[in-house]
Amino acid sequence: MSEKTLTRMDLSEAVFREVGLSRNESAQLVESVLRHMSDALANGETVKISSFGTFSVREKSSRMGRNPKTGEEVPISPRRVLSFRPSHLMKDRVAAGNAK
């Protein structure tokens, strides 16, 4: 398994090579897309990217947890969490990549 991480710079470099925008314009485009996605998620909207997956925000209610070290019960406050559900195409593509 590869230890490579895809970064914003990698994405903007790919836009530069594939689309032909300048490096600066490519970086601005990537930043704009990521900003739109994060703004939508912060507002509680769902972000669905066809053939990739769906990002959504879930509201988790308060519950009782347990400190694994001491066994003491601790209240866990309600919070919002980000979740990602990959599309079937993405799942198949990742599974095919593991079969190499």
PDB file of N, CA and C in Angstrom:
ATOM      1  N   MET A   1       0.839  -1.188   0.000  1.00  0.00           N
ATOM      2  CA  MET A   1       0.000   0.000   0.000  1.00  0.00           C
ATOM      3  C   MET A   1       0.880   1.246   0.000  1.00  0.00           C
ATOM      4  N   SER A   2       0.507   2.199  -0.800  1.00  0.00           N
ATOM      5  CA  SER A   2       1.289   3.429  -0.957  1.00  0.00           C
ATOM      6  C   SER A   2       1.083   4.358   0.235  1.00  0.00           C
ATOM      7  N   GLU A   3       2.119   5.080   0.594  1.00  0.00           N
ATOM      8  CA  GLU A   3       2.052   6.040   1.691  1.00  0.00           C
ATOM      9  C   GLU A   3       1.841   7.461   1.168  1.00  0.00           C
ATOM     10  N   LYS A   4       1.592   7.630  -0.141  1.00  0.00           N
ATOM     11  CA  LYS A   4       1.416   8.937  -0.758  1.00  0.00           C
ATOM     12  C   LYS A   4       0.096   9.567  -0.321  1.00  0.00           C
ATOM     13  N   THR A   5       0.128  10.853  -0.051  1.00  0.00           N
ATOM     14  CA  THR A   5      -1.062  11.617   0.310  1.00  0.00           C
ATOM     15  C   THR A   5      -1.322  12.649  -0.777  1.00  0.00           C
ATOM     16  N   LEU A   6      -2.562  12.721  -1.238  1.00  0.00           N
ATOM     17  CA  LEU A   6      -2.950  13.707  -2.243  1.00  0.00           C
ATOM     18  C   LEU A   6      -3.204  15.033  -1.532  1.00  0.00           C
ATOM     19  N   THR A   7      -2.523  16.086  -1.949  1.00  0.00           N
ATOM     20  CA  THR A   7      -2.627  17.389  -1.299  1.00  0.00           C
ATOM     21  C   THR A   7      -3.311  18.406  -2.216  1.00  0.00           C
ATOM     22  N   ARG A   8      -3.591  19.577  -1.664  1.00  0.00           N
ATOM     23  CA  ARG A   8      -4.149  20.666  -2.465  1.00  0.00           C
ATOM     24  C   ARG A   8      -3.218  21.011  -3.623  1.00  0.00           C
ATOM     25  N   MET A   9      -1.928  20.999  -3.340  1.00  0.00           N
ATOM     26  CA  MET A   9      -0.942  21.319  -4.381  1.00  0.00           C
ATOM     27  C   MET A   9      -1.005  20.294  -5.514  1.00  0.00           C
ATOM     28  N   ASP A  10      -1.173  19.014  -5.163  1.00  0.00           N
ATOM     29  CA  ASP A  10      -1.301  17.967  -6.184  1.00  0.00           C
ATOM     30  C   ASP A  10      -2.546  18.201  -7.040  1.00  0.00           C
ATOM     31  N   LEU A  11      -3.644  18.577  -6.396  1.00  0.00           N
ATOM     32  CA  LEU A  11      -4.881  18.843  -7.138  1.00  0.00           C
ATOM     33  C   LEU A  11      -4.720  20.030  -8.078  1.00  0.00           C
ATOM     34  N   SER A  12      -4.121  21.114  -7.579  1.00  0.00           N
ATOM     35  CA  SER A  12      -3.948  22.285  -8.442  1.00  0.00           C
ATOM     36  C   SER A  12      -2.959  21.995  -9.570  1.00  0.00           C
ATOM     37  N   GLU A  13      -1.953  21.171  -9.321  1.00  0.00           N
ATOM     38  CA  GLU A  13      -1.010  20.772 -10.382  1.00  0.00           C
ATOM     39  C   GLU A  13      -1.730  19.941 -11.447  1.00  0.00           C
ATOM     40  N   ALA A  14      -2.646  19.061 -11.021  1.00  0.00           N
ATOM     41  CA  ALA A  14      -3.420  18.256 -11.971  1.00  0.00           C
ATOM     42  C   ALA A  14      -4.327  19.152 -12.816  1.00  0.00           C
ATOM     43  N   VAL A  15      -4.952  20.151 -12.198  1.00  0.00           N
ATOM     44  CA  VAL A  15      -5.786  21.098 -12.947  1.00  0.00           C
ATOM     45  C   VAL A  15      -4.918  21.868 -13.940  1.00  0.00           C
ATOM     46  N   PHE A  16      -3.732  22.267 -13.509  1.00  0.00           N
ATOM     47  CA  PHE A  16      -2.794  22.982 -14.386  1.00  0.00           C
ATOM     48  C   PHE A  16      -2.468  22.142 -15.623  1.00  0.00           C
ATOM     49  N   ARG A  17      -2.150  20.854 -15.407  1.00  0.00           N
ATOM     50  CA  ARG A  17      -1.774  19.981 -16.520  1.00  0.00           C
ATOM     51  C   ARG A  17      -2.963  19.597 -17.404  1.00  0.00           C
ATOM     52  N   GLU A  18      -4.104  19.275 -16.793  1.00  0.00           N
ATOM     53  CA  GLU A  18      -5.250  18.769 -17.542  1.00  0.00           C
ATOM     54  C   GLU A  18      -6.057  19.863 -18.239  1.00  0.00           C
ATOM     55  N   VAL A  19      -6.260  20.996 -17.554  1.00  0.00           N
ATOM     56  CA  VAL A  19      -7.142  22.044 -18.068  1.00  0.00           C
ATOM     57  C   VAL A  19      -6.369  23.116 -18.818  1.00  0.00           C
ATOM     58  N   GLY A  20      -5.154  23.386 -18.362  1.00  0.00           N
ATOM     59  CA  GLY A  20      -4.349  24.388 -19.051  1.00  0.00           C
ATOM     60  C   GLY A  20      -4.422  25.774 -18.441  1.00  0.00           C
ATOM     61  N   LEU A  21      -5.034  25.892 -17.265  1.00  0.00           N
ATOM     62  CA  LEU A  21      -5.004  27.178 -16.574  1.00  0.00           C
ATOM     63  C   LEU A  21      -3.595  27.416 -16.035  1.00  0.00           C
ATOM     64  N   SER A  22      -3.298  28.660 -15.684  1.00  0.00           N
ATOM     65  CA  SER A  22      -1.995  28.936 -15.076  1.00  0.00           C
ATOM     66  C   SER A  22      -1.946  28.268 -13.707  1.00  0.00           C
ATOM     67  N   ARG A  23      -0.752  28.121 -13.161  1.00  0.00           N
ATOM     68  CA  ARG A  23      -0.630  27.493 -11.840  1.00  0.00           C
ATOM     69  C   ARG A  23      -1.399  28.287 -10.782  1.00  0.00           C
ATOM     70  N   ASN A  24      -1.323  29.596 -10.867  1.00  0.00           N
ATOM     71  CA  ASN A  24      -2.020  30.449  -9.901  1.00  0.00           C
ATOM     72  C   ASN A  24      -3.538  30.294 -10.037  1.00  0.00           C
ATOM     73  N   GLU A  25      -4.051  30.314 -11.269  1.00  0.00           N
ATOM     74  CA  GLU A  25      -5.484  30.142 -11.501  1.00  0.00           C
ATOM     75  C   GLU A  25      -5.944  28.751 -11.060  1.00  0.00           C
ATOM     76  N   SER A  26      -5.114  27.744 -11.291  1.00  0.00           N
ATOM     77  CA  SER A  26      -5.445  26.380 -10.884  1.00  0.00           C
ATOM     78  C   SER A  26      -5.555  26.287  -9.369  1.00  0.00           C
ATOM     79  N   ALA A  27      -4.617  26.892  -8.659  1.00  0.00           N
ATOM     80  CA  ALA A  27      -4.655  26.880  -7.196  1.00  0.00           C
ATOM     81  C   ALA A  27      -5.892  27.617  -6.695  1.00  0.00           C
ATOM     82  N   GLN A  28      -6.247  28.746  -7.327  1.00  0.00           N
ATOM     83  CA  GLN A  28      -7.434  29.494  -6.931  1.00  0.00           C
ATOM     84  C   GLN A  28      -8.707  28.685  -7.180  1.00  0.00           C
ATOM     85  N   LEU A  29      -8.746  27.949  -8.280  1.00  0.00           N
ATOM     86  CA  LEU A  29      -9.905  27.120  -8.593  1.00  0.00           C
ATOM     87  C   LEU A  29     -10.089  26.021  -7.550  1.00  0.00           C
ATOM     88  N   VAL A  30      -9.011  25.341  -7.211  1.00  0.00           N
ATOM     89  CA  VAL A  30      -9.075  24.278  -6.204  1.00  0.00           C
ATOM     90  C   VAL A  30      -9.524  24.863  -4.868  1.00  0.00           C
ATOM     91  N   GLU A  31      -8.952  25.989  -4.468  1.00  0.00           N
ATOM     92  CA  GLU A  31      -9.332  26.625  -3.205  1.00  0.00           C
ATOM     93  C   GLU A  31     -10.811  27.018  -3.212  1.00  0.00           C
ATOM     94  N   SER A  32     -11.287  27.527  -4.341  1.00  0.00           N
ATOM     95  CA  SER A  32     -12.680  27.933  -4.454  1.00  0.00           C
ATOM     96  C   SER A  32     -13.620  26.738  -4.308  1.00  0.00           C
ATOM     97  N   VAL A  33     -13.306  25.636  -4.963  1.00  0.00           N
ATOM     98  CA  VAL A  33     -14.130  24.425  -4.869  1.00  0.00           C
ATOM     99  C   VAL A  33     -14.159  23.918  -3.426  1.00  0.00           C
ATOM    100  N   LEU A  34     -12.993  23.836  -2.798  1.00  0.00           N
ATOM    101  CA  LEU A  34     -12.930  23.353  -1.415  1.00  0.00           C
ATOM    102  C   LEU A  34     -13.675  24.298  -0.462  1.00  0.00           C
ATOM    103  N   ARG A  35     -13.577  25.595  -0.702  1.00  0.00           N
ATOM    104  CA  ARG A  35     -14.277  26.577   0.134  1.00  0.00           C
ATOM    105  C   ARG A  35     -15.790  26.419  -0.011  1.00  0.00           C
ATOM    106  N   HIS A  36     -16.271  26.228  -1.261  1.00  0.00           N
ATOM    107  CA  HIS A  36     -17.708  26.033  -1.478  1.00  0.00           C
ATOM    108  C   HIS A  36     -18.194  24.771  -0.769  1.00  0.00           C
ATOM    109  N   MET A  37     -17.407  23.711  -0.852  1.00  0.00           N
ATOM    110  CA  MET A  37     -17.790  22.460  -0.194  1.00  0.00           C
ATOM    111  C   MET A  37     -17.840  22.634   1.319  1.00  0.00           C
ATOM    112  N   SER A  38     -16.811  23.230   1.897  1.00  0.00           N
ATOM    113  CA  SER A  38     -16.773  23.370   3.353  1.00  0.00           C
ATOM    114  C   SER A  38     -17.824  24.355   3.846  1.00  0.00           C
ATOM    115  N   ASP A  39     -18.126  25.409   3.082  1.00  0.00           N
ATOM    116  CA  ASP A  39     -19.192  26.338   3.469  1.00  0.00           C
ATOM    117  C   ASP A  39     -20.541  25.630   3.489  1.00  0.00           C
ATOM    118  N   ALA A  40     -20.804  24.827   2.459  1.00  0.00           N
ATOM    119  CA  ALA A  40     -22.067  24.087   2.388  1.00  0.00           C
ATOM    120  C   ALA A  40     -22.196  23.132   3.566  1.00  0.00           C
ATOM    121  N   LEU A  41     -21.124  22.424   3.887  1.00  0.00           N
ATOM    122  CA  LEU A  41     -21.155  21.482   5.011  1.00  0.00           C
ATOM    123  C   LEU A  41     -21.332  22.214   6.340  1.00  0.00           C
ATOM    124  N   ALA A  42     -20.683  23.346   6.491  1.00  0.00           N
ATOM    125  CA  ALA A  42     -20.822  24.133   7.720  1.00  0.00           C
ATOM    126  C   ALA A  42     -22.254  24.619   7.903  1.00  0.00           C
ATOM    127  N   ASN A  43     -22.969  24.822   6.787  1.00  0.00           N
ATOM    128  CA  ASN A  43     -24.366  25.248   6.837  1.00  0.00           C
ATOM    129  C   ASN A  43     -25.319  24.064   6.961  1.00  0.00           C
ATOM    130  N   GLY A  44     -24.786  22.865   7.108  1.00  0.00           N
ATOM    131  CA  GLY A  44     -25.620  21.680   7.282  1.00  0.00           C
ATOM    132  C   GLY A  44     -26.118  21.065   5.988  1.00  0.00           C
ATOM    133  N   GLU A  45     -25.616  21.533   4.848  1.00  0.00           N
ATOM    134  CA  GLU A  45     -26.037  20.989   3.555  1.00  0.00           C
ATOM    135  C   GLU A  45     -25.260  19.718   3.245  1.00  0.00           C
ATOM    136  N   THR A  46     -25.803  18.911   2.337  1.00  0.00           N
ATOM    137  CA  THR A  46     -25.133  17.706   1.864  1.00  0.00           C
ATOM    138  C   THR A  46     -24.388  18.045   0.580  1.00  0.00           C
ATOM    139  N   VAL A  47     -23.174  17.512   0.428  1.00  0.00           N
ATOM    140  CA  VAL A  47     -22.396  17.718  -0.791  1.00  0.00           C
ATOM    141  C   VAL A  47     -22.291  16.373  -1.495  1.00  0.00           C
ATOM    142  N   LYS A  48     -22.905  16.288  -2.674  1.00  0.00           N
ATOM    143  CA  LYS A  48     -22.928  15.033  -3.426  1.00  0.00           C
ATOM    144  C   LYS A  48     -22.153  15.227  -4.724  1.00  0.00           C
ATOM    145  N   ILE A  49     -21.123  14.421  -4.908  1.00  0.00           N
ATOM    146  CA  ILE A  49     -20.309  14.482  -6.117  1.00  0.00           C
ATOM    147  C   ILE A  49     -20.515  13.176  -6.863  1.00  0.00           C
ATOM    148  N   SER A  50     -21.140  13.266  -8.015  1.00  0.00           N
ATOM    149  CA  SER A  50     -21.487  12.091  -8.810  1.00  0.00           C
ATOM    150  C   SER A  50     -20.262  11.213  -9.074  1.00  0.00           C
ATOM    151  N   SER A  51     -20.432   9.920  -8.944  1.00  0.00           N
ATOM    152  CA  SER A  51     -19.382   8.910  -9.167  1.00  0.00           C
ATOM    153  C   SER A  51     -18.247   8.989  -8.153  1.00  0.00           C
ATOM    154  N   PHE A  52     -18.397   9.805  -7.126  1.00  0.00           N
ATOM    155  CA  PHE A  52     -17.368   9.915  -6.095  1.00  0.00           C
ATOM    156  C   PHE A  52     -17.944   9.556  -4.730  1.00  0.00           C
ATOM    157  N   GLY A  53     -18.910  10.362  -4.265  1.00  0.00           N
ATOM    158  CA  GLY A  53     -19.522  10.068  -2.976  1.00  0.00           C
ATOM    159  C   GLY A  53     -20.277  11.259  -2.430  1.00  0.00           C
ATOM    160  N   THR A  54     -20.774  11.087  -1.205  1.00  0.00           N
ATOM    161  CA  THR A  54     -21.588  12.103  -0.562  1.00  0.00           C
ATOM    162  C   THR A  54     -21.016  12.458   0.800  1.00  0.00           C
ATOM    163  N   PHE A  55     -20.809  13.755   1.013  1.00  0.00           N
ATOM    164  CA  PHE A  55     -20.387  14.272   2.304  1.00  0.00           C
ATOM    165  C   PHE A  55     -21.632  14.806   2.992  1.00  0.00           C
ATOM    166  N   SER A  56     -21.807  14.482   4.257  1.00  0.00           N
ATOM    167  CA  SER A  56     -22.961  15.001   4.977  1.00  0.00           C
ATOM    168  C   SER A  56     -22.586  15.259   6.431  1.00  0.00           C
ATOM    169  N   VAL A  57     -23.398  16.101   7.072  1.00  0.00           N
ATOM    170  CA  VAL A  57     -23.189  16.429   8.477  1.00  0.00           C
ATOM    171  C   VAL A  57     -24.292  15.728   9.264  1.00  0.00           C
ATOM    172  N   ARG A  58     -23.908  15.004  10.294  1.00  0.00           N
ATOM    173  CA  ARG A  58     -24.870  14.309  11.157  1.00  0.00           C
ATOM    174  C   ARG A  58     -24.873  14.957  12.526  1.00  0.00           C
ATOM    175  N   GLU A  59     -26.049  15.039  13.092  1.00  0.00           N
ATOM    176  CA  GLU A  59     -26.189  15.548  14.453  1.00  0.00           C
ATOM    177  C   GLU A  59     -26.173  14.344  15.391  1.00  0.00           C
ATOM    178  N   LYS A  60     -25.212  14.291  16.297  1.00  0.00           N
ATOM    179  CA  LYS A  60     -25.161  13.200  17.270  1.00  0.00           C
ATOM    180  C   LYS A  60     -25.681  13.719  18.605  1.00  0.00           C
ATOM    181  N   SER A  61     -26.544  12.955  19.200  1.00  0.00           N
ATOM    182  CA  SER A  61     -27.125  13.374  20.470  1.00  0.00           C
ATOM    183  C   SER A  61     -26.169  13.070  21.623  1.00  0.00           C
ATOM    184  N   SER A  62     -26.487  13.635  22.772  1.00  0.00           N
ATOM    185  CA  SER A  62     -25.638  13.373  23.943  1.00  0.00           C
ATOM    186  C   SER A  62     -25.838  11.924  24.387  1.00  0.00           C
ATOM    187  N   ARG A  63     -24.824  11.372  24.988  1.00  0.00           N
ATOM    188  CA  ARG A  63     -24.891   9.995  25.466  1.00  0.00           C
ATOM    189  C   ARG A  63     -23.877   9.805  26.574  1.00  0.00           C
ATOM    190  N   MET A  64     -23.981   8.685  27.235  1.00  0.00           N
ATOM    191  CA  MET A  64     -23.011   8.360  28.278  1.00  0.00           C
ATOM    192  C   MET A  64     -21.898   7.510  27.664  1.00  0.00           C
ATOM    193  N   GLY A  65     -20.671   7.892  27.950  1.00  0.00           N
ATOM    194  CA  GLY A  65     -19.515   7.131  27.506  1.00  0.00           C
ATOM    195  C   GLY A  65     -18.787   6.600  28.718  1.00  0.00           C
ATOM    196  N   ARG A  66     -17.710   5.905  28.474  1.00  0.00           N
ATOM    197  CA  ARG A  66     -16.948   5.338  29.579  1.00  0.00           C
ATOM    198  C   ARG A  66     -15.466   5.580  29.335  1.00  0.00           C
ATOM    199  N   ASN A  67     -14.788   6.064  30.350  1.00  0.00           N
ATOM    200  CA  ASN A  67     -13.342   6.230  30.281  1.00  0.00           C
ATOM    201  C   ASN A  67     -12.736   4.825  30.318  1.00  0.00           C
ATOM    202  N   PRO A  68     -12.049   4.399  29.245  1.00  0.00           N
ATOM    203  CA  PRO A  68     -11.543   3.028  29.205  1.00  0.00           C
ATOM    204  C   PRO A  68     -10.467   2.746  30.266  1.00  0.00           C
ATOM    205  N   LYS A  69      -9.794   3.774  30.705  1.00  0.00           N
ATOM    206  CA  LYS A  69      -8.731   3.575  31.682  1.00  0.00           C
ATOM    207  C   LYS A  69      -9.283   3.367  33.100  1.00  0.00           C
ATOM    208  N   THR A  70     -10.279   4.179  33.458  1.00  0.00           N
ATOM    209  CA  THR A  70     -10.792   4.124  34.827  1.00  0.00           C
ATOM    210  C   THR A  70     -12.144   3.417  34.937  1.00  0.00           C
ATOM    211  N   GLY A  71     -12.846   3.291  33.819  1.00  0.00           N
ATOM    212  CA  GLY A  71     -14.170   2.691  33.851  1.00  0.00           C
ATOM    213  C   GLY A  71     -15.251   3.669  34.283  1.00  0.00           C
ATOM    214  N   GLU A  72     -14.868   4.903  34.569  1.00  0.00           N
ATOM    215  CA  GLU A  72     -15.809   5.919  35.024  1.00  0.00           C
ATOM    216  C   GLU A  72     -16.715   6.355  33.868  1.00  0.00           C
ATOM    217  N   GLU A  73     -18.021   6.498  34.165  1.00  0.00           N
ATOM    218  CA  GLU A  73     -18.947   6.980  33.145  1.00  0.00           C
ATOM    219  C   GLU A  73     -18.792   8.486  32.985  1.00  0.00           C
ATOM    220  N   VAL A  74     -18.784   8.932  31.725  1.00  0.00           N
ATOM    221  CA  VAL A  74     -18.577  10.343  31.418  1.00  0.00           C
ATOM    222  C   VAL A  74     -19.636  10.763  30.398  1.00  0.00           C
ATOM    223  N   PRO A  75     -20.306  11.883  30.604  1.00  0.00           N
ATOM    224  CA  PRO A  75     -21.283  12.341  29.609  1.00  0.00           C
ATOM    225  C   PRO A  75     -20.559  12.884  28.366  1.00  0.00           C
ATOM    226  N   ILE A  76     -21.061  12.505  27.200  1.00  0.00           N
ATOM    227  CA  ILE A  76     -20.531  13.007  25.927  1.00  0.00           C
ATOM    228  C   ILE A  76     -21.571  13.975  25.385  1.00  0.00           C
ATOM    229  N   SER A  77     -21.163  15.207  25.141  1.00  0.00           N
ATOM    230  CA  SER A  77     -22.096  16.251  24.727  1.00  0.00           C
ATOM    231  C   SER A  77     -22.530  16.057  23.267  1.00  0.00           C
ATOM    232  N   PRO A  78     -23.686  16.625  22.908  1.00  0.00           N
ATOM    233  CA  PRO A  78     -24.144  16.525  21.514  1.00  0.00           C
ATOM    234  C   PRO A  78     -23.184  17.275  20.599  1.00  0.00           C
ATOM    235  N   ARG A  79     -23.047  16.779  19.377  1.00  0.00           N
ATOM    236  CA  ARG A  79     -22.121  17.419  18.445  1.00  0.00           C
ATOM    237  C   ARG A  79     -22.495  17.104  17.011  1.00  0.00           C
ATOM    238  N   ARG A  80     -21.882  17.837  16.097  1.00  0.00           N
ATOM    239  CA  ARG A  80     -22.068  17.604  14.665  1.00  0.00           C
ATOM    240  C   ARG A  80     -20.816  16.913  14.152  1.00  0.00           C
ATOM    241  N   VAL A  81     -21.015  15.878  13.336  1.00  0.00           N
ATOM    242  CA  VAL A  81     -19.870  15.156  12.781  1.00  0.00           C
ATOM    243  C   VAL A  81     -20.016  15.072  11.264  1.00  0.00           C
ATOM    244  N   LEU A  82     -18.899  15.069  10.593  1.00  0.00           N
ATOM    245  CA  LEU A  82     -18.855  14.958   9.147  1.00  0.00           C
ATOM    246  C   LEU A  82     -18.755  13.487   8.772  1.00  0.00           C
ATOM    247  N   SER A  83     -19.553  13.063   7.808  1.00  0.00           N
ATOM    248  CA  SER A  83     -19.447  11.684   7.345  1.00  0.00           C
ATOM    249  C   SER A  83     -19.331  11.678   5.824  1.00  0.00           C
ATOM    250  N   PHE A  84     -18.704  10.640   5.313  1.00  0.00           N
ATOM    251  CA  PHE A  84     -18.531  10.469   3.869  1.00  0.00           C
ATOM    252  C   PHE A  84     -19.007   9.086   3.495  1.00  0.00           C
ATOM    253  N   ARG A  85     -19.843   9.027   2.478  1.00  0.00           N
ATOM    254  CA  ARG A  85     -20.324   7.748   1.963  1.00  0.00           C
ATOM    255  C   ARG A  85     -19.890   7.652   0.502  1.00  0.00           C
ATOM    256  N   PRO A  86     -18.939   6.749   0.204  1.00  0.00           N
ATOM    257  CA  PRO A  86     -18.470   6.638  -1.183  1.00  0.00           C
ATOM    258  C   PRO A  86     -19.538   6.042  -2.094  1.00  0.00           C
ATOM    259  N   SER A  87     -19.496   6.435  -3.368  1.00  0.00           N
ATOM    260  CA  SER A  87     -20.430   5.875  -4.348  1.00  0.00           C
ATOM    261  C   SER A  87     -20.019   4.439  -4.668  1.00  0.00           C
ATOM    262  N   HIS A  88     -20.930   3.705  -5.283  1.00  0.00           N
ATOM    263  CA  HIS A  88     -20.608   2.327  -5.672  1.00  0.00           C
ATOM    264  C   HIS A  88     -19.447   2.298  -6.666  1.00  0.00           C
ATOM    265  N   LEU A  89     -19.403   3.272  -7.575  1.00  0.00           N
ATOM    266  CA  LEU A  89     -18.297   3.333  -8.535  1.00  0.00           C
ATOM    267  C   LEU A  89     -16.962   3.535  -7.825  1.00  0.00           C
ATOM    268  N   MET A  90     -16.952   4.406  -6.808  1.00  0.00           N
ATOM    269  CA  MET A  90     -15.719   4.651  -6.052  1.00  0.00           C
ATOM    270  C   MET A  90     -15.320   3.399  -5.282  1.00  0.00           C
ATOM    271  N   LYS A  91     -16.286   2.732  -4.661  1.00  0.00           N
ATOM    272  CA  LYS A  91     -15.994   1.500  -3.933  1.00  0.00           C
ATOM    273  C   LYS A  91     -15.384   0.451  -4.852  1.00  0.00           C
ATOM    274  N   ASP A  92     -15.977   0.295  -6.044  1.00  0.00           N
ATOM    275  CA  ASP A  92     -15.468  -0.677  -7.017  1.00  0.00           C
ATOM    276  C   ASP A  92     -14.062  -0.302  -7.483  1.00  0.00           C
ATOM    277  N   ARG A  93     -13.846   0.984  -7.711  1.00  0.00           N
ATOM    278  CA  ARG A  93     -12.526   1.427  -8.183  1.00  0.00           C
ATOM    279  C   ARG A  93     -11.440   1.198  -7.124  1.00  0.00           C
ATOM    280  N   VAL A  94     -11.777   1.480  -5.874  1.00  0.00           N
ATOM    281  CA  VAL A  94     -10.815   1.265  -4.777  1.00  0.00           C
ATOM    282  C   VAL A  94     -10.547  -0.230  -4.617  1.00  0.00           C
ATOM    283  N   ALA A  95     -11.594  -1.036  -4.680  1.00  0.00           N
ATOM    284  CA  ALA A  95     -11.419  -2.487  -4.547  1.00  0.00           C
ATOM    285  C   ALA A  95     -10.558  -3.050  -5.684  1.00  0.00           C
ATOM    286  N   ALA A  96     -10.745  -2.535  -6.886  1.00  0.00           N
ATOM    287  CA  ALA A  96      -9.948  -2.987  -8.041  1.00  0.00           C
ATOM    288  C   ALA A  96      -8.494  -2.570  -7.876  1.00  0.00           C
ATOM    289  N   GLY A  97      -8.255  -1.412  -7.249  1.00  0.00           N
ATOM    290  CA  GLY A  97      -6.888  -0.947  -7.001  1.00  0.00           C
ATOM    291  C   GLY A  97      -6.176  -1.834  -6.011  1.00  0.00           C
ATOM    292  N   ASN A  98      -6.917  -2.407  -5.063  1.00  0.00           N
ATOM    293  CA  ASN A  98      -6.317  -3.309  -4.061  1.00  0.00           C
ATOM    294  C   ASN A  98      -5.992  -4.659  -4.653  1.00  0.00           C
ATOM    295  N   ALA A  99      -6.603  -5.018  -5.798  1.00  0.00           N
ATOM    296  CA  ALA A  99      -6.403  -6.342  -6.383  1.00  0.00           C
ATOM    297  C   ALA A  99      -5.114  -6.433  -7.185  1.00  0.00           C
ATOM    298  N   LYS A 100      -4.402  -5.335  -7.327  1.00  0.00           N
ATOM    299  CA  LYS A 100      -3.169  -5.329  -8.145  1.00  0.00           C
ATOM    300  C   LYS A 100      -2.110  -6.231  -7.574  1.00  0.00           C
TER     301      LYS A 100
END
